[in-house]
């Protein structure tokens, strides 16, 4: 779990995804208009690029609410792990060379 939330970038990203999920849930629950509510699209946008890449593979899974929530959670955790890996890669310092050579 430390690899997924290993830095503040990944934690901030997961907080952003959680806040978006709260707003989307509130929007869907309070929607009373006759046309469709497309608020759930924001969860795809926030978890991009992984959510857009895997949507073709996972389309049978995300037809149901539980599958959709699990799909968004997996995409968010994978993106957070990628942010942690990029953060660790950026912290590596180049090898020092002897200036006399």
N, C-alpha and C. Protein backbone atom coordinates (compact mmCIF):
# COMPACT_ATOMS: atom_id res chain seq x y z
N UNK A 1 0.82 -1.20 0.00
CA UNK A 1 0.00 0.00 0.00
C UNK A 1 0.87 1.26 0.00
N UNK A 2 2.06 1.16 0.56
CA UNK A 2 2.94 2.31 0.61
C UNK A 2 3.36 2.75 -0.80
N UNK A 3 3.47 1.78 -1.71
CA UNK A 3 3.86 2.14 -3.07
C UNK A 3 2.76 2.95 -3.75
N UNK A 4 1.51 2.70 -3.40
CA UNK A 4 0.41 3.42 -4.05
C UNK A 4 0.29 4.84 -3.51
N UNK A 5 0.44 5.02 -2.22
CA UNK A 5 0.30 6.37 -1.63
C UNK A 5 1.63 6.83 -1.05
N UNK A 6 2.69 6.62 -1.79
CA UNK A 6 4.02 6.89 -1.29
C UNK A 6 4.44 8.34 -1.29
N UNK A 7 3.72 9.21 -1.96
CA UNK A 7 4.09 10.63 -1.96
C UNK A 7 2.82 11.49 -1.97
N UNK A 8 3.00 12.78 -1.83
CA UNK A 8 1.86 13.69 -1.74
C UNK A 8 1.14 13.86 -3.06
N UNK A 9 1.82 13.64 -4.16
CA UNK A 9 1.15 13.72 -5.45
C UNK A 9 0.09 12.63 -5.58
N UNK A 10 0.45 11.41 -5.20
CA UNK A 10 -0.49 10.30 -5.27
C UNK A 10 -1.63 10.48 -4.28
N UNK A 11 -1.31 10.95 -3.08
CA UNK A 11 -2.36 11.18 -2.08
C UNK A 11 -3.32 12.27 -2.54
N UNK A 12 -2.78 13.35 -3.07
CA UNK A 12 -3.62 14.43 -3.59
C UNK A 12 -4.50 13.96 -4.74
N UNK A 13 -3.93 13.11 -5.59
CA UNK A 13 -4.71 12.56 -6.70
C UNK A 13 -5.86 11.70 -6.19
N UNK A 14 -5.59 10.86 -5.21
CA UNK A 14 -6.66 10.01 -4.67
C UNK A 14 -7.72 10.84 -3.95
N UNK A 15 -7.32 11.93 -3.31
CA UNK A 15 -8.29 12.83 -2.69
C UNK A 15 -9.16 13.48 -3.77
N UNK A 16 -8.54 13.88 -4.88
CA UNK A 16 -9.30 14.45 -5.99
C UNK A 16 -10.32 13.46 -6.55
N UNK A 17 -9.91 12.21 -6.70
CA UNK A 17 -10.83 11.18 -7.19
C UNK A 17 -11.98 10.97 -6.19
N UNK A 18 -11.66 10.93 -4.90
CA UNK A 18 -12.70 10.75 -3.88
C UNK A 18 -13.69 11.91 -3.87
N UNK A 19 -13.19 13.15 -3.96
CA UNK A 19 -14.08 14.31 -3.99
C UNK A 19 -14.94 14.30 -5.24
N UNK A 20 -14.38 13.91 -6.36
CA UNK A 20 -15.16 13.82 -7.59
C UNK A 20 -16.24 12.75 -7.45
N UNK A 21 -15.92 11.63 -6.82
CA UNK A 21 -16.91 10.58 -6.61
C UNK A 21 -18.05 11.06 -5.72
N UNK A 22 -17.74 11.87 -4.71
CA UNK A 22 -18.78 12.41 -3.84
C UNK A 22 -19.69 13.35 -4.62
N UNK A 23 -19.11 14.22 -5.42
CA UNK A 23 -19.91 15.17 -6.22
C UNK A 23 -20.76 14.42 -7.24
N UNK A 24 -20.19 13.42 -7.88
CA UNK A 24 -20.95 12.64 -8.87
C UNK A 24 -22.09 11.89 -8.20
N UNK A 25 -21.84 11.30 -7.05
CA UNK A 25 -22.90 10.59 -6.33
C UNK A 25 -24.00 11.55 -5.92
N UNK A 26 -23.63 12.71 -5.41
CA UNK A 26 -24.63 13.71 -5.04
C UNK A 26 -25.45 14.14 -6.25
N UNK A 27 -24.79 14.33 -7.37
CA UNK A 27 -25.49 14.75 -8.58
C UNK A 27 -26.47 13.69 -9.07
N UNK A 28 -26.05 12.43 -9.01
CA UNK A 28 -26.94 11.35 -9.47
C UNK A 28 -28.13 11.18 -8.53
N UNK A 29 -27.89 11.27 -7.24
CA UNK A 29 -28.96 11.08 -6.26
C UNK A 29 -30.00 12.21 -6.34
N UNK A 30 -29.55 13.43 -6.56
CA UNK A 30 -30.47 14.57 -6.57
C UNK A 30 -31.00 14.92 -7.95
N UNK A 31 -30.66 14.16 -8.98
CA UNK A 31 -31.09 14.47 -10.34
C UNK A 31 -32.56 14.13 -10.51
N UNK A 32 -33.35 15.09 -10.96
CA UNK A 32 -34.78 14.83 -11.17
C UNK A 32 -35.25 15.32 -12.54
N UNK A 33 -34.36 15.53 -13.45
CA UNK A 33 -34.70 15.98 -14.80
C UNK A 33 -35.03 14.78 -15.69
N UNK A 34 -35.80 15.00 -16.75
CA UNK A 34 -36.17 13.87 -17.62
C UNK A 34 -35.02 13.39 -18.52
N UNK A 35 -34.01 14.22 -18.75
CA UNK A 35 -32.91 13.79 -19.60
C UNK A 35 -31.83 13.08 -18.78
N UNK A 36 -30.85 12.52 -19.46
CA UNK A 36 -29.83 11.71 -18.81
C UNK A 36 -28.86 12.57 -18.00
N UNK A 37 -28.33 11.98 -16.95
CA UNK A 37 -27.31 12.62 -16.13
C UNK A 37 -25.97 12.00 -16.50
N UNK A 38 -25.08 12.80 -17.03
CA UNK A 38 -23.78 12.29 -17.46
C UNK A 38 -22.66 12.63 -16.48
N UNK A 39 -23.00 12.78 -15.23
CA UNK A 39 -22.00 13.15 -14.21
C UNK A 39 -20.93 12.08 -14.05
N UNK A 40 -21.28 10.82 -14.25
CA UNK A 40 -20.31 9.74 -14.06
C UNK A 40 -19.15 9.82 -15.06
N UNK A 41 -19.33 10.56 -16.13
CA UNK A 41 -18.25 10.73 -17.11
C UNK A 41 -17.05 11.42 -16.45
N UNK A 42 -17.30 12.26 -15.45
CA UNK A 42 -16.20 12.94 -14.77
C UNK A 42 -15.27 11.96 -14.07
N UNK A 43 -15.79 10.84 -13.62
CA UNK A 43 -14.92 9.84 -13.01
C UNK A 43 -13.98 9.22 -14.04
N UNK A 44 -14.46 9.06 -15.27
CA UNK A 44 -13.58 8.60 -16.34
C UNK A 44 -12.51 9.63 -16.65
N UNK A 45 -12.89 10.90 -16.65
CA UNK A 45 -11.94 11.97 -16.95
C UNK A 45 -10.87 12.06 -15.87
N UNK A 46 -11.28 11.96 -14.61
CA UNK A 46 -10.32 12.09 -13.50
C UNK A 46 -9.37 10.90 -13.45
N UNK A 47 -9.82 9.72 -13.84
CA UNK A 47 -8.96 8.54 -13.80
C UNK A 47 -8.30 8.24 -15.14
N UNK A 48 -8.36 9.18 -16.06
CA UNK A 48 -7.67 9.02 -17.35
C UNK A 48 -6.18 9.05 -17.12
N UNK A 49 -5.40 8.47 -17.90
CA UNK A 49 -5.63 7.82 -19.18
C UNK A 49 -5.99 6.35 -19.06
N UNK A 50 -5.76 5.75 -17.90
CA UNK A 50 -5.99 4.31 -17.77
C UNK A 50 -7.45 3.94 -17.96
N UNK A 51 -8.37 4.76 -17.50
CA UNK A 51 -9.78 4.42 -17.64
C UNK A 51 -10.22 4.42 -19.09
N UNK A 52 -9.64 5.27 -19.92
CA UNK A 52 -10.01 5.29 -21.33
C UNK A 52 -9.36 4.14 -22.10
N UNK A 53 -8.17 3.73 -21.67
CA UNK A 53 -7.46 2.65 -22.35
C UNK A 53 -8.16 1.30 -22.12
N UNK A 54 -8.59 1.08 -20.90
CA UNK A 54 -9.16 -0.22 -20.54
C UNK A 54 -10.67 -0.31 -20.68
N UNK A 55 -11.33 0.74 -21.11
CA UNK A 55 -12.79 0.71 -21.15
C UNK A 55 -13.32 -0.33 -22.13
N UNK A 56 -12.63 -0.57 -23.21
CA UNK A 56 -13.07 -1.59 -24.16
C UNK A 56 -12.98 -3.00 -23.58
N UNK A 57 -11.96 -3.24 -22.80
CA UNK A 57 -11.78 -4.55 -22.19
C UNK A 57 -12.78 -4.76 -21.05
N UNK A 58 -13.03 -3.70 -20.30
CA UNK A 58 -13.84 -3.82 -19.09
C UNK A 58 -15.31 -3.47 -19.32
N UNK A 59 -15.74 -3.28 -20.55
CA UNK A 59 -17.12 -2.85 -20.77
C UNK A 59 -18.17 -3.81 -20.21
N UNK A 60 -17.99 -5.14 -20.23
CA UNK A 60 -18.99 -6.00 -19.59
C UNK A 60 -19.03 -5.81 -18.07
N UNK A 61 -17.91 -5.44 -17.48
CA UNK A 61 -17.85 -5.29 -16.03
C UNK A 61 -18.54 -4.00 -15.58
N UNK A 62 -18.36 -2.92 -16.33
CA UNK A 62 -18.84 -1.62 -15.88
C UNK A 62 -20.30 -1.36 -16.22
N UNK A 63 -21.01 -2.38 -16.69
CA UNK A 63 -22.45 -2.22 -16.92
C UNK A 63 -23.23 -2.16 -15.62
N UNK A 64 -22.68 -2.66 -14.55
CA UNK A 64 -23.34 -2.67 -13.25
C UNK A 64 -22.65 -1.68 -12.32
N UNK A 65 -23.39 -1.18 -11.35
CA UNK A 65 -22.85 -0.16 -10.45
C UNK A 65 -21.64 -0.64 -9.69
N UNK A 66 -21.69 -1.84 -9.14
CA UNK A 66 -20.56 -2.35 -8.37
C UNK A 66 -19.33 -2.54 -9.26
N UNK A 67 -19.53 -3.00 -10.47
CA UNK A 67 -18.43 -3.15 -11.41
C UNK A 67 -17.83 -1.82 -11.81
N UNK A 68 -18.69 -0.82 -11.99
CA UNK A 68 -18.22 0.52 -12.33
C UNK A 68 -17.38 1.11 -11.21
N UNK A 69 -17.84 0.97 -9.97
CA UNK A 69 -17.11 1.49 -8.82
C UNK A 69 -15.76 0.77 -8.69
N UNK A 70 -15.76 -0.54 -8.86
CA UNK A 70 -14.51 -1.29 -8.78
C UNK A 70 -13.55 -0.89 -9.90
N UNK A 71 -14.06 -0.69 -11.10
CA UNK A 71 -13.24 -0.29 -12.23
C UNK A 71 -12.60 1.07 -12.00
N UNK A 72 -13.37 2.03 -11.51
CA UNK A 72 -12.84 3.36 -11.22
C UNK A 72 -11.81 3.27 -10.10
N UNK A 73 -12.07 2.46 -9.08
CA UNK A 73 -11.12 2.33 -7.96
C UNK A 73 -9.80 1.72 -8.44
N UNK A 74 -9.86 0.70 -9.27
CA UNK A 74 -8.63 0.07 -9.78
C UNK A 74 -7.86 1.05 -10.65
N UNK A 75 -8.55 1.79 -11.51
CA UNK A 75 -7.87 2.78 -12.35
C UNK A 75 -7.23 3.88 -11.50
N UNK A 76 -7.93 4.34 -10.47
CA UNK A 76 -7.38 5.39 -9.62
C UNK A 76 -6.16 4.90 -8.85
N UNK A 77 -6.21 3.68 -8.33
CA UNK A 77 -5.06 3.14 -7.59
C UNK A 77 -3.87 2.90 -8.51
N UNK A 78 -4.13 2.44 -9.73
CA UNK A 78 -3.04 2.23 -10.68
C UNK A 78 -2.40 3.57 -11.08
N UNK A 79 -3.23 4.59 -11.29
CA UNK A 79 -2.68 5.91 -11.62
C UNK A 79 -1.89 6.49 -10.44
N UNK A 80 -2.37 6.27 -9.23
CA UNK A 80 -1.64 6.74 -8.04
C UNK A 80 -0.30 6.02 -7.92
N UNK A 81 -0.27 4.73 -8.21
CA UNK A 81 0.99 3.99 -8.19
C UNK A 81 1.96 4.53 -9.25
N UNK A 82 1.42 4.89 -10.40
CA UNK A 82 2.27 5.48 -11.46
C UNK A 82 2.82 6.83 -11.01
N UNK A 83 2.01 7.63 -10.33
CA UNK A 83 2.50 8.91 -9.81
C UNK A 83 3.60 8.71 -8.77
N UNK A 84 3.44 7.70 -7.92
CA UNK A 84 4.46 7.40 -6.93
C UNK A 84 5.76 6.98 -7.62
N UNK A 85 5.64 6.12 -8.63
CA UNK A 85 6.83 5.66 -9.35
C UNK A 85 7.52 6.82 -10.05
N UNK A 86 6.76 7.71 -10.67
CA UNK A 86 7.35 8.88 -11.32
C UNK A 86 8.02 9.80 -10.31
N UNK A 87 7.41 9.94 -9.14
CA UNK A 87 8.00 10.76 -8.09
C UNK A 87 9.31 10.20 -7.60
N UNK A 88 9.37 8.88 -7.45
CA UNK A 88 10.62 8.25 -7.02
C UNK A 88 11.68 8.33 -8.10
N UNK A 89 11.26 8.21 -9.34
CA UNK A 89 12.21 8.32 -10.44
C UNK A 89 12.79 9.73 -10.52
N UNK A 90 11.97 10.72 -10.24
CA UNK A 90 12.44 12.10 -10.28
C UNK A 90 13.37 12.46 -9.14
N UNK A 91 13.30 11.72 -8.04
CA UNK A 91 14.15 12.02 -6.89
C UNK A 91 15.54 11.41 -7.01
N UNK A 92 15.71 10.48 -7.92
CA UNK A 92 17.03 9.87 -8.07
C UNK A 92 18.01 10.91 -8.56
N UNK A 93 19.15 10.90 -7.94
CA UNK A 93 20.18 11.87 -8.31
C UNK A 93 21.18 11.21 -9.23
N UNK A 94 21.66 11.95 -10.20
CA UNK A 94 22.67 11.36 -11.09
C UNK A 94 23.96 11.07 -10.35
N UNK A 95 24.67 10.14 -10.88
CA UNK A 95 25.93 9.74 -10.28
C UNK A 95 26.94 10.87 -10.41
N UNK A 96 27.66 11.17 -9.32
CA UNK A 96 28.67 12.22 -9.37
C UNK A 96 29.93 11.72 -10.05
N UNK A 97 30.46 12.57 -10.87
CA UNK A 97 31.70 12.22 -11.55
C UNK A 97 32.83 13.06 -10.96
N UNK A 98 33.98 12.51 -11.00
CA UNK A 98 35.15 13.22 -10.50
C UNK A 98 35.53 14.32 -11.50
N UNK A 99 35.56 15.59 -11.07
CA UNK A 99 35.83 16.66 -12.01
C UNK A 99 37.27 16.64 -12.56
N UNK A 100 38.15 15.89 -11.91
CA UNK A 100 39.54 15.84 -12.38
C UNK A 100 39.70 14.96 -13.60
N UNK A 101 38.70 14.10 -13.87
CA UNK A 101 38.85 13.20 -15.02
C UNK A 101 38.13 13.68 -16.23
